[in-house]
Amino acid sequence: MQIDTDLAAQMHASACQCGGVLHRANYPRKPKACPEEVLFEFQSRWSFCCNLCRKRSTPMSVRFLGRRVYVALAVVVLAVKRNKINAATTLAGEALGVPERTSARWRQWWLQVFGATALWQAQCARFIPGVELTELPQSLMARFTGTAHEARRMLGRLEWTE
């Protein structure tokens, strides 16, 4: 939540490309696989709208993966564990209400699609040594270890475009 707050504040402080002022224009979300105790933090996606050209600007989010309805953490965690079904991912999926077919589709997306996305193509060179694509998302998650502050600093260095 704090990372998203900081990214939104940075975007809000900047001006639109046309020179206009960005005004808050959040839009509602109905996230799936979100625990009830934090649901209120996921019911709105932060966004801004220029007062002159009306162009929408939406900052990168670590809570959401683009337009997906499932929260980002679920899409990553339930696809981990060497891309195989195991007791931990099955229990987590059941607790969050994510069907196994959906988790299997996410595993396939990580293995077959993610490596070819514009997002990954623009960012993959920042990881040295390279991230093992056959072990996604686990191999990517391993790079964000350490304290929350260190992981946040690494996320901030990436230029997410999605």
N, C-alpha and C. Protein backbone atom coordinates (compact mmCIF):
# COMPACT_ATOMS: atom_id res chain seq x y z
N MET A 1 0.82 -1.18 0.00
CA MET A 1 0.00 0.00 0.00
C MET A 1 0.88 1.26 0.00
N GLN A 2 1.95 1.21 0.79
CA GLN A 2 2.84 2.38 0.87
C GLN A 2 3.56 2.63 -0.45
N ILE A 3 3.96 1.57 -1.13
CA ILE A 3 4.62 1.74 -2.42
C ILE A 3 3.67 2.40 -3.41
N ASP A 4 2.43 1.92 -3.46
CA ASP A 4 1.44 2.53 -4.35
C ASP A 4 1.17 3.98 -3.98
N THR A 5 1.11 4.26 -2.70
CA THR A 5 0.89 5.64 -2.24
C THR A 5 2.02 6.55 -2.70
N ASP A 6 3.26 6.08 -2.55
CA ASP A 6 4.41 6.88 -2.97
C ASP A 6 4.44 7.10 -4.48
N LEU A 7 4.13 6.05 -5.25
CA LEU A 7 4.12 6.18 -6.71
C LEU A 7 3.03 7.15 -7.17
N ALA A 8 1.88 7.09 -6.51
CA ALA A 8 0.79 8.01 -6.86
C ALA A 8 1.16 9.45 -6.50
N ALA A 9 1.81 9.64 -5.36
CA ALA A 9 2.22 10.99 -4.94
C ALA A 9 3.23 11.58 -5.93
N GLN A 10 4.16 10.75 -6.40
CA GLN A 10 5.14 11.22 -7.37
C GLN A 10 4.47 11.65 -8.67
N MET A 11 3.51 10.86 -9.13
CA MET A 11 2.82 11.19 -10.37
C MET A 11 1.98 12.45 -10.18
N HIS A 12 1.31 12.56 -9.06
CA HIS A 12 0.44 13.71 -8.81
C HIS A 12 1.25 15.00 -8.74
N ALA A 13 2.48 14.91 -8.23
CA ALA A 13 3.33 16.10 -8.11
C ALA A 13 3.85 16.59 -9.45
N SER A 14 3.85 15.72 -10.45
CA SER A 14 4.34 16.12 -11.76
C SER A 14 3.20 16.72 -12.59
N ALA A 15 3.57 17.41 -13.63
CA ALA A 15 2.57 18.00 -14.53
C ALA A 15 2.32 17.06 -15.70
N CYS A 16 1.20 17.23 -16.34
CA CYS A 16 0.88 16.48 -17.56
C CYS A 16 1.85 16.91 -18.66
N GLN A 17 1.99 16.10 -19.70
CA GLN A 17 2.86 16.44 -20.82
C GLN A 17 2.44 17.73 -21.49
N CYS A 18 1.15 18.05 -21.42
CA CYS A 18 0.66 19.28 -22.06
C CYS A 18 0.84 20.49 -21.15
N GLY A 19 1.30 20.27 -19.92
CA GLY A 19 1.51 21.37 -18.98
C GLY A 19 0.37 21.55 -18.00
N GLY A 20 -0.68 20.78 -18.15
CA GLY A 20 -1.83 20.88 -17.26
C GLY A 20 -1.57 20.28 -15.89
N VAL A 21 -2.49 20.53 -14.99
CA VAL A 21 -2.41 20.02 -13.62
C VAL A 21 -3.15 18.69 -13.55
N LEU A 22 -2.57 17.72 -12.84
CA LEU A 22 -3.22 16.43 -12.68
C LEU A 22 -4.13 16.45 -11.47
N HIS A 23 -5.38 16.09 -11.69
CA HIS A 23 -6.36 15.99 -10.61
C HIS A 23 -6.67 14.52 -10.37
N ARG A 24 -6.97 14.19 -9.12
CA ARG A 24 -7.27 12.82 -8.76
C ARG A 24 -8.53 12.36 -9.47
N ALA A 25 -8.45 11.18 -10.09
CA ALA A 25 -9.58 10.58 -10.79
C ALA A 25 -9.55 9.08 -10.58
N ASN A 26 -9.59 8.66 -9.31
CA ASN A 26 -9.53 7.23 -8.99
C ASN A 26 -10.71 6.49 -9.59
N TYR A 27 -10.55 5.21 -9.81
CA TYR A 27 -11.67 4.43 -10.29
C TYR A 27 -11.81 3.18 -9.42
N PRO A 28 -13.05 2.73 -9.28
CA PRO A 28 -13.31 1.60 -8.38
C PRO A 28 -12.80 0.28 -8.94
N ARG A 29 -12.42 -0.60 -8.04
CA ARG A 29 -12.00 -1.96 -8.39
C ARG A 29 -12.81 -2.93 -7.53
N LYS A 30 -13.03 -4.11 -8.05
CA LYS A 30 -13.68 -5.19 -7.32
C LYS A 30 -12.71 -6.37 -7.33
N PRO A 31 -11.70 -6.28 -6.45
CA PRO A 31 -10.63 -7.28 -6.51
C PRO A 31 -11.07 -8.66 -6.03
N LYS A 32 -10.54 -9.67 -6.68
CA LYS A 32 -10.75 -11.05 -6.26
C LYS A 32 -9.49 -11.51 -5.53
N ALA A 33 -9.65 -12.53 -4.71
CA ALA A 33 -8.55 -13.12 -3.92
C ALA A 33 -7.94 -12.12 -2.97
N CYS A 34 -8.78 -11.28 -2.40
CA CYS A 34 -8.33 -10.26 -1.46
C CYS A 34 -8.96 -10.56 -0.10
N PRO A 35 -8.13 -10.74 0.94
CA PRO A 35 -8.68 -11.00 2.27
C PRO A 35 -9.57 -9.85 2.74
N GLU A 36 -10.64 -10.19 3.44
CA GLU A 36 -11.61 -9.20 3.91
C GLU A 36 -10.97 -8.09 4.74
N GLU A 37 -9.97 -8.43 5.55
CA GLU A 37 -9.37 -7.43 6.46
C GLU A 37 -8.62 -6.32 5.73
N VAL A 38 -8.27 -6.51 4.47
CA VAL A 38 -7.58 -5.46 3.71
C VAL A 38 -8.34 -5.07 2.45
N LEU A 39 -9.55 -5.56 2.29
CA LEU A 39 -10.33 -5.31 1.08
C LEU A 39 -10.51 -3.82 0.81
N PHE A 40 -10.72 -3.02 1.85
CA PHE A 40 -10.92 -1.57 1.67
C PHE A 40 -9.73 -0.90 1.01
N GLU A 41 -8.52 -1.44 1.17
CA GLU A 41 -7.33 -0.86 0.56
C GLU A 41 -7.21 -1.20 -0.93
N PHE A 42 -8.03 -2.12 -1.41
CA PHE A 42 -7.94 -2.58 -2.79
C PHE A 42 -9.18 -2.21 -3.61
N GLN A 43 -10.08 -1.44 -3.07
CA GLN A 43 -11.32 -1.13 -3.77
C GLN A 43 -11.22 0.10 -4.66
N SER A 44 -10.04 0.68 -4.75
CA SER A 44 -9.86 1.85 -5.60
C SER A 44 -8.47 1.81 -6.24
N ARG A 45 -8.41 2.08 -7.53
CA ARG A 45 -7.12 2.18 -8.24
C ARG A 45 -6.84 3.66 -8.42
N TRP A 46 -5.67 4.09 -7.98
CA TRP A 46 -5.35 5.51 -8.06
C TRP A 46 -5.03 5.90 -9.49
N SER A 47 -5.55 7.05 -9.87
CA SER A 47 -5.35 7.56 -11.21
C SER A 47 -5.53 9.07 -11.19
N PHE A 48 -5.08 9.71 -12.26
CA PHE A 48 -5.16 11.16 -12.36
C PHE A 48 -5.62 11.55 -13.75
N CYS A 49 -6.18 12.75 -13.84
CA CYS A 49 -6.70 13.24 -15.11
C CYS A 49 -6.24 14.69 -15.27
N CYS A 50 -5.75 15.05 -16.45
CA CYS A 50 -5.26 16.40 -16.72
C CYS A 50 -6.44 17.37 -16.83
N ASN A 51 -6.27 18.54 -16.24
CA ASN A 51 -7.35 19.54 -16.29
C ASN A 51 -7.45 20.22 -17.65
N LEU A 52 -6.45 20.06 -18.53
CA LEU A 52 -6.49 20.68 -19.85
C LEU A 52 -6.84 19.68 -20.95
N CYS A 53 -6.02 18.65 -21.10
CA CYS A 53 -6.23 17.71 -22.21
C CYS A 53 -7.10 16.52 -21.81
N ARG A 54 -7.37 16.35 -20.53
CA ARG A 54 -8.21 15.28 -19.99
C ARG A 54 -7.58 13.89 -20.11
N LYS A 55 -6.30 13.83 -20.47
CA LYS A 55 -5.62 12.55 -20.58
C LYS A 55 -5.47 11.93 -19.20
N ARG A 56 -5.76 10.63 -19.10
CA ARG A 56 -5.65 9.92 -17.83
C ARG A 56 -4.22 9.43 -17.65
N SER A 57 -3.72 9.54 -16.43
CA SER A 57 -2.40 9.03 -16.06
C SER A 57 -2.59 8.13 -14.85
N THR A 58 -2.18 6.89 -14.97
CA THR A 58 -2.32 5.93 -13.89
C THR A 58 -0.95 5.42 -13.50
N PRO A 59 -0.55 5.61 -12.24
CA PRO A 59 0.77 5.16 -11.83
C PRO A 59 0.86 3.64 -11.76
N MET A 60 2.06 3.13 -11.81
CA MET A 60 2.31 1.71 -11.63
C MET A 60 1.76 1.30 -10.27
N SER A 61 1.34 0.08 -10.15
CA SER A 61 0.80 -0.42 -8.90
C SER A 61 1.40 -1.78 -8.58
N VAL A 62 1.73 -1.98 -7.31
CA VAL A 62 2.14 -3.31 -6.89
C VAL A 62 0.95 -4.07 -6.30
N ARG A 63 -0.17 -3.41 -6.14
CA ARG A 63 -1.39 -4.08 -5.66
C ARG A 63 -2.13 -4.76 -6.80
N PHE A 64 -2.03 -4.23 -8.01
CA PHE A 64 -2.76 -4.75 -9.16
C PHE A 64 -1.78 -5.01 -10.30
N LEU A 65 -2.08 -6.01 -11.11
CA LEU A 65 -1.30 -6.28 -12.32
C LEU A 65 -2.14 -5.83 -13.50
N GLY A 66 -1.98 -4.61 -13.88
CA GLY A 66 -2.74 -4.07 -15.01
C GLY A 66 -4.23 -4.12 -14.74
N ARG A 67 -4.98 -4.68 -15.67
CA ARG A 67 -6.43 -4.72 -15.56
C ARG A 67 -6.96 -6.02 -14.97
N ARG A 68 -6.08 -6.88 -14.49
CA ARG A 68 -6.52 -8.15 -13.92
C ARG A 68 -7.39 -7.91 -12.69
N VAL A 69 -8.38 -8.79 -12.49
CA VAL A 69 -9.29 -8.63 -11.36
C VAL A 69 -8.74 -9.22 -10.08
N TYR A 70 -7.78 -10.14 -10.19
CA TYR A 70 -7.16 -10.70 -9.00
C TYR A 70 -6.05 -9.79 -8.53
N VAL A 71 -5.85 -9.72 -7.21
CA VAL A 71 -4.78 -8.88 -6.68
C VAL A 71 -3.43 -9.47 -7.11
N ALA A 72 -2.46 -8.61 -7.28
CA ALA A 72 -1.15 -9.00 -7.82
C ALA A 72 -0.49 -10.08 -6.97
N LEU A 73 -0.58 -9.96 -5.67
CA LEU A 73 0.09 -10.93 -4.81
C LEU A 73 -0.43 -12.34 -5.06
N ALA A 74 -1.72 -12.48 -5.27
CA ALA A 74 -2.29 -13.81 -5.55
C ALA A 74 -1.77 -14.36 -6.87
N VAL A 75 -1.69 -13.52 -7.89
CA VAL A 75 -1.22 -13.97 -9.21
C VAL A 75 0.22 -14.45 -9.13
N VAL A 76 1.02 -13.83 -8.29
CA VAL A 76 2.42 -14.22 -8.17
C VAL A 76 2.57 -15.43 -7.25
N VAL A 77 2.02 -15.35 -6.05
CA VAL A 77 2.24 -16.40 -5.05
C VAL A 77 1.63 -17.74 -5.47
N LEU A 78 0.44 -17.71 -6.03
CA LEU A 78 -0.20 -18.97 -6.40
C LEU A 78 0.41 -19.61 -7.64
N ALA A 79 1.26 -18.90 -8.33
CA ALA A 79 1.94 -19.47 -9.50
C ALA A 79 3.36 -19.93 -9.17
N VAL A 80 3.78 -19.77 -7.93
CA VAL A 80 5.14 -20.13 -7.51
C VAL A 80 5.22 -21.62 -7.18
N LYS A 81 6.27 -22.02 -6.59
CA LYS A 81 6.57 -23.38 -6.19
C LYS A 81 6.90 -24.25 -7.39
N ARG A 82 7.85 -23.79 -8.16
CA ARG A 82 8.35 -24.50 -9.33
C ARG A 82 7.23 -24.86 -10.29
N ASN A 83 6.23 -24.04 -10.31
CA ASN A 83 5.14 -24.15 -11.26
C ASN A 83 4.40 -25.49 -11.18
N LYS A 84 4.42 -26.12 -10.02
CA LYS A 84 3.71 -27.36 -9.81
C LYS A 84 2.69 -27.18 -8.68
N ILE A 85 1.65 -27.98 -8.73
CA ILE A 85 0.65 -27.96 -7.68
C ILE A 85 1.27 -28.57 -6.43
N ASN A 86 1.09 -27.95 -5.29
CA ASN A 86 1.51 -28.55 -4.03
C ASN A 86 0.51 -28.14 -2.95
N ALA A 87 0.65 -28.69 -1.78
CA ALA A 87 -0.31 -28.47 -0.71
C ALA A 87 -0.42 -27.00 -0.31
N ALA A 88 0.70 -26.30 -0.24
CA ALA A 88 0.67 -24.89 0.19
C ALA A 88 -0.09 -24.02 -0.80
N THR A 89 0.18 -24.17 -2.10
CA THR A 89 -0.52 -23.34 -3.08
C THR A 89 -1.99 -23.74 -3.17
N THR A 90 -2.28 -25.03 -3.01
CA THR A 90 -3.67 -25.47 -3.03
C THR A 90 -4.44 -24.87 -1.87
N LEU A 91 -3.86 -24.91 -0.65
CA LEU A 91 -4.53 -24.32 0.52
C LEU A 91 -4.69 -22.82 0.37
N ALA A 92 -3.67 -22.14 -0.12
CA ALA A 92 -3.76 -20.69 -0.31
C ALA A 92 -4.83 -20.36 -1.34
N GLY A 93 -4.86 -21.11 -2.41
CA GLY A 93 -5.88 -20.88 -3.44
C GLY A 93 -7.28 -21.08 -2.91
N GLU A 94 -7.47 -22.12 -2.12
CA GLU A 94 -8.78 -22.37 -1.53
C GLU A 94 -9.16 -21.25 -0.56
N ALA A 95 -8.21 -20.82 0.27
CA ALA A 95 -8.49 -19.76 1.25
C ALA A 95 -8.86 -18.46 0.56
N LEU A 96 -8.26 -18.18 -0.58
CA LEU A 96 -8.53 -16.94 -1.32
C LEU A 96 -9.63 -17.09 -2.35
N GLY A 97 -10.15 -18.29 -2.51
CA GLY A 97 -11.23 -18.51 -3.47
C GLY A 97 -10.77 -18.50 -4.92
N VAL A 98 -9.54 -18.94 -5.17
CA VAL A 98 -9.01 -18.97 -6.53
C VAL A 98 -9.09 -20.41 -7.05
N PRO A 99 -9.86 -20.66 -8.10
CA PRO A 99 -9.94 -22.02 -8.65
C PRO A 99 -8.58 -22.49 -9.16
N GLU A 100 -8.35 -23.79 -9.06
CA GLU A 100 -7.08 -24.36 -9.52
C GLU A 100 -6.86 -24.11 -11.00
N ARG A 101 -7.92 -24.11 -11.79
CA ARG A 101 -7.78 -23.81 -13.23
C ARG A 101 -7.19 -22.42 -13.44
N THR A 102 -7.59 -21.48 -12.59
CA THR A 102 -7.07 -20.11 -12.70
C THR A 102 -5.60 -20.07 -12.33
N SER A 103 -5.22 -20.76 -11.25
CA SER A 103 -3.80 -20.82 -10.87
C SER A 103 -2.96 -21.46 -11.97
N ALA A 104 -3.49 -22.52 -12.57
CA ALA A 104 -2.77 -23.19 -13.66
C ALA A 104 -2.61 -22.25 -14.85
N ARG A 105 -3.62 -21.45 -15.14
CA ARG A 105 -3.54 -20.48 -16.24
C ARG A 105 -2.48 -19.43 -15.94
N TRP A 106 -2.39 -19.00 -14.68
CA TRP A 106 -1.36 -18.03 -14.30
C TRP A 106 0.03 -18.63 -14.47
N ARG A 107 0.20 -19.90 -14.06
CA ARG A 107 1.51 -20.53 -14.23
C ARG A 107 1.90 -20.54 -15.71
N GLN A 108 0.96 -20.87 -16.57
CA GLN A 108 1.24 -20.87 -18.01
C GLN A 108 1.56 -19.47 -18.52
N TRP A 109 0.86 -18.46 -18.00
CA TRP A 109 1.12 -17.07 -18.41
C TRP A 109 2.56 -16.69 -18.05
N TRP A 110 2.97 -17.02 -16.83
CA TRP A 110 4.33 -16.69 -16.41
C TRP A 110 5.36 -17.39 -17.30
N LEU A 111 5.11 -18.63 -17.64
CA LEU A 111 6.09 -19.42 -18.40
C LEU A 111 6.07 -19.12 -19.89
N GLN A 112 4.91 -18.83 -20.45
CA GLN A 112 4.81 -18.72 -21.90
C GLN A 112 4.62 -17.30 -22.42
N VAL A 113 4.06 -16.40 -21.62
CA VAL A 113 3.71 -15.07 -22.12
C VAL A 113 4.56 -13.96 -21.51
N PHE A 114 4.78 -14.00 -20.20
CA PHE A 114 5.44 -12.89 -19.51
C PHE A 114 6.78 -12.51 -20.12
N GLY A 115 7.60 -13.49 -20.50
CA GLY A 115 8.91 -13.21 -21.07
C GLY A 115 8.87 -12.42 -22.36
N ALA A 116 7.73 -12.46 -23.06
CA ALA A 116 7.61 -11.75 -24.33
C ALA A 116 6.89 -10.40 -24.20
N THR A 117 6.43 -10.05 -23.00
CA THR A 117 5.71 -8.80 -22.84
C THR A 117 6.64 -7.60 -22.99
N ALA A 118 6.08 -6.49 -23.39
CA ALA A 118 6.88 -5.26 -23.52
C ALA A 118 7.45 -4.86 -22.16
N LEU A 119 6.68 -5.08 -21.11
CA LEU A 119 7.15 -4.76 -19.75
C LEU A 119 8.45 -5.50 -19.45
N TRP A 120 8.47 -6.82 -19.65
CA TRP A 120 9.65 -7.60 -19.35
C TRP A 120 10.79 -7.30 -20.31
N GLN A 121 10.50 -7.13 -21.58
CA GLN A 121 11.54 -6.82 -22.56
C GLN A 121 12.26 -5.52 -22.22
N ALA A 122 11.53 -4.56 -21.67
CA ALA A 122 12.13 -3.28 -21.31
C ALA A 122 12.93 -3.36 -20.01
N GLN A 123 12.64 -4.35 -19.17
CA GLN A 123 13.25 -4.38 -17.83
C GLN A 123 14.23 -5.53 -17.61
N CYS A 124 14.23 -6.55 -18.44
CA CYS A 124 15.01 -7.75 -18.15
C CYS A 124 16.51 -7.49 -18.04
N ALA A 125 17.03 -6.53 -18.75
CA ALA A 125 18.47 -6.25 -18.70
C ALA A 125 18.91 -5.69 -17.36
N ARG A 126 17.98 -5.24 -16.54
CA ARG A 126 18.33 -4.71 -15.23
C ARG A 126 18.65 -5.80 -14.22
N PHE A 127 18.42 -7.05 -14.59
CA PHE A 127 18.68 -8.17 -13.70
C PHE A 127 19.93 -8.91 -14.16
N ILE A 128 21.00 -8.76 -13.38
CA ILE A 128 22.25 -9.42 -13.70
C ILE A 128 22.67 -10.20 -12.47
N PRO A 129 22.87 -11.50 -12.56
CA PRO A 129 22.67 -12.33 -13.74
C PRO A 129 21.18 -12.38 -14.11
N GLY A 130 20.92 -12.85 -15.30
CA GLY A 130 19.56 -12.88 -15.82
C GLY A 130 18.61 -13.74 -14.99
N VAL A 131 17.35 -13.45 -15.11
CA VAL A 131 16.30 -14.20 -14.42
C VAL A 131 16.01 -15.44 -15.26
N GLU A 132 15.91 -16.59 -14.62
CA GLU A 132 15.62 -17.84 -15.30
C GLU A 132 14.13 -17.88 -15.68
N LEU A 133 13.83 -17.77 -16.97
CA LEU A 133 12.45 -17.70 -17.43
C LEU A 133 11.68 -18.99 -17.21
N THR A 134 12.37 -20.12 -17.15
CA THR A 134 11.68 -21.39 -16.93
C THR A 134 11.27 -21.58 -15.48
N GLU A 135 11.70 -20.67 -14.61
CA GLU A 135 11.38 -20.77 -13.19
C GLU A 135 10.53 -19.59 -12.71
N LEU A 136 9.92 -18.87 -13.64
CA LEU A 136 9.07 -17.73 -13.26
C LEU A 136 7.82 -18.22 -12.55
N PRO A 137 7.27 -17.44 -11.63
CA PRO A 137 7.72 -16.16 -11.11
C PRO A 137 8.71 -16.29 -9.97
N GLN A 138 9.01 -17.54 -9.56
CA GLN A 138 9.89 -17.76 -8.42
C GLN A 138 11.26 -17.12 -8.62
N SER A 139 11.85 -17.25 -9.80
CA SER A 139 13.18 -16.70 -10.04
C SER A 139 13.17 -15.17 -9.98
N LEU A 140 12.07 -14.55 -10.32
CA LEU A 140 11.97 -13.10 -10.24
C LEU A 140 11.76 -12.66 -8.79
N MET A 141 10.92 -13.40 -8.06
CA MET A 141 10.68 -13.07 -6.66
C MET A 141 11.96 -13.15 -5.83
N ALA A 142 12.83 -14.07 -6.19
CA ALA A 142 14.08 -14.25 -5.43
C ALA A 142 14.94 -12.99 -5.48
N ARG A 143 14.76 -12.14 -6.47
CA ARG A 143 15.54 -10.91 -6.60
C ARG A 143 15.06 -9.82 -5.64
N PHE A 144 13.86 -9.96 -5.12
CA PHE A 144 13.30 -8.94 -4.23
C PHE A 144 13.36 -9.41 -2.79
N THR A 145 14.54 -9.82 -2.37
CA THR A 145 14.74 -10.29 -1.00
C THR A 145 15.31 -9.16 -0.16
N GLY A 146 15.44 -9.43 1.12
CA GLY A 146 15.96 -8.42 2.03
C GLY A 146 14.83 -7.73 2.76
N THR A 147 15.13 -6.57 3.29
CA THR A 147 14.11 -5.82 4.03
C THR A 147 13.08 -5.24 3.07
N ALA A 148 11.96 -4.83 3.62
CA ALA A 148 10.92 -4.21 2.79
C ALA A 148 11.47 -2.96 2.12
N HIS A 149 12.32 -2.22 2.83
CA HIS A 149 12.90 -1.00 2.27
C HIS A 149 13.78 -1.33 1.07
N GLU A 150 14.60 -2.39 1.16
CA GLU A 150 15.47 -2.77 0.05
C GLU A 150 14.65 -3.23 -1.16
N ALA A 151 13.61 -4.03 -0.91
CA ALA A 151 12.76 -4.49 -2.01
C ALA A 151 12.04 -3.31 -2.65
N ARG A 152 11.60 -2.37 -1.85
CA ARG A 152 10.92 -1.18 -2.36
C ARG A 152 11.86 -0.35 -3.22
N ARG A 153 13.11 -0.22 -2.79
CA ARG A 153 14.10 0.53 -3.56
C ARG A 153 14.33 -0.14 -4.91
N MET A 154 14.38 -1.47 -4.93
CA MET A 154 14.56 -2.18 -6.19
C MET A 154 13.35 -1.98 -7.11
N LEU A 155 12.16 -2.05 -6.56
CA LEU A 155 10.95 -1.80 -7.37
C LEU A 155 10.97 -0.40 -7.94
N GLY A 156 11.44 0.56 -7.14
CA GLY A 156 11.47 1.95 -7.58
C GLY A 156 12.44 2.19 -8.73
N ARG A 157 13.49 1.36 -8.84
CA ARG A 157 14.46 1.50 -9.92
C ARG A 157 13.90 1.00 -11.26
N LEU A 158 12.93 0.13 -11.18
CA LEU A 158 12.34 -0.38 -12.41
C LEU A 158 11.42 0.67 -13.02
N GLU A 159 11.35 0.69 -14.31
CA GLU A 159 10.49 1.64 -15.01
C GLU A 159 9.28 0.89 -15.55
N TRP A 160 8.35 0.57 -14.65
CA TRP A 160 7.17 -0.19 -15.04
C TRP A 160 6.30 0.64 -15.98
N THR A 161 5.84 0.02 -17.04
CA THR A 161 5.04 0.72 -18.02
C THR A 161 3.62 0.20 -18.09
N GLU A 162 3.32 -0.83 -17.36
CA GLU A 162 1.99 -1.42 -17.46
C GLU A 162 1.00 -0.68 -16.60
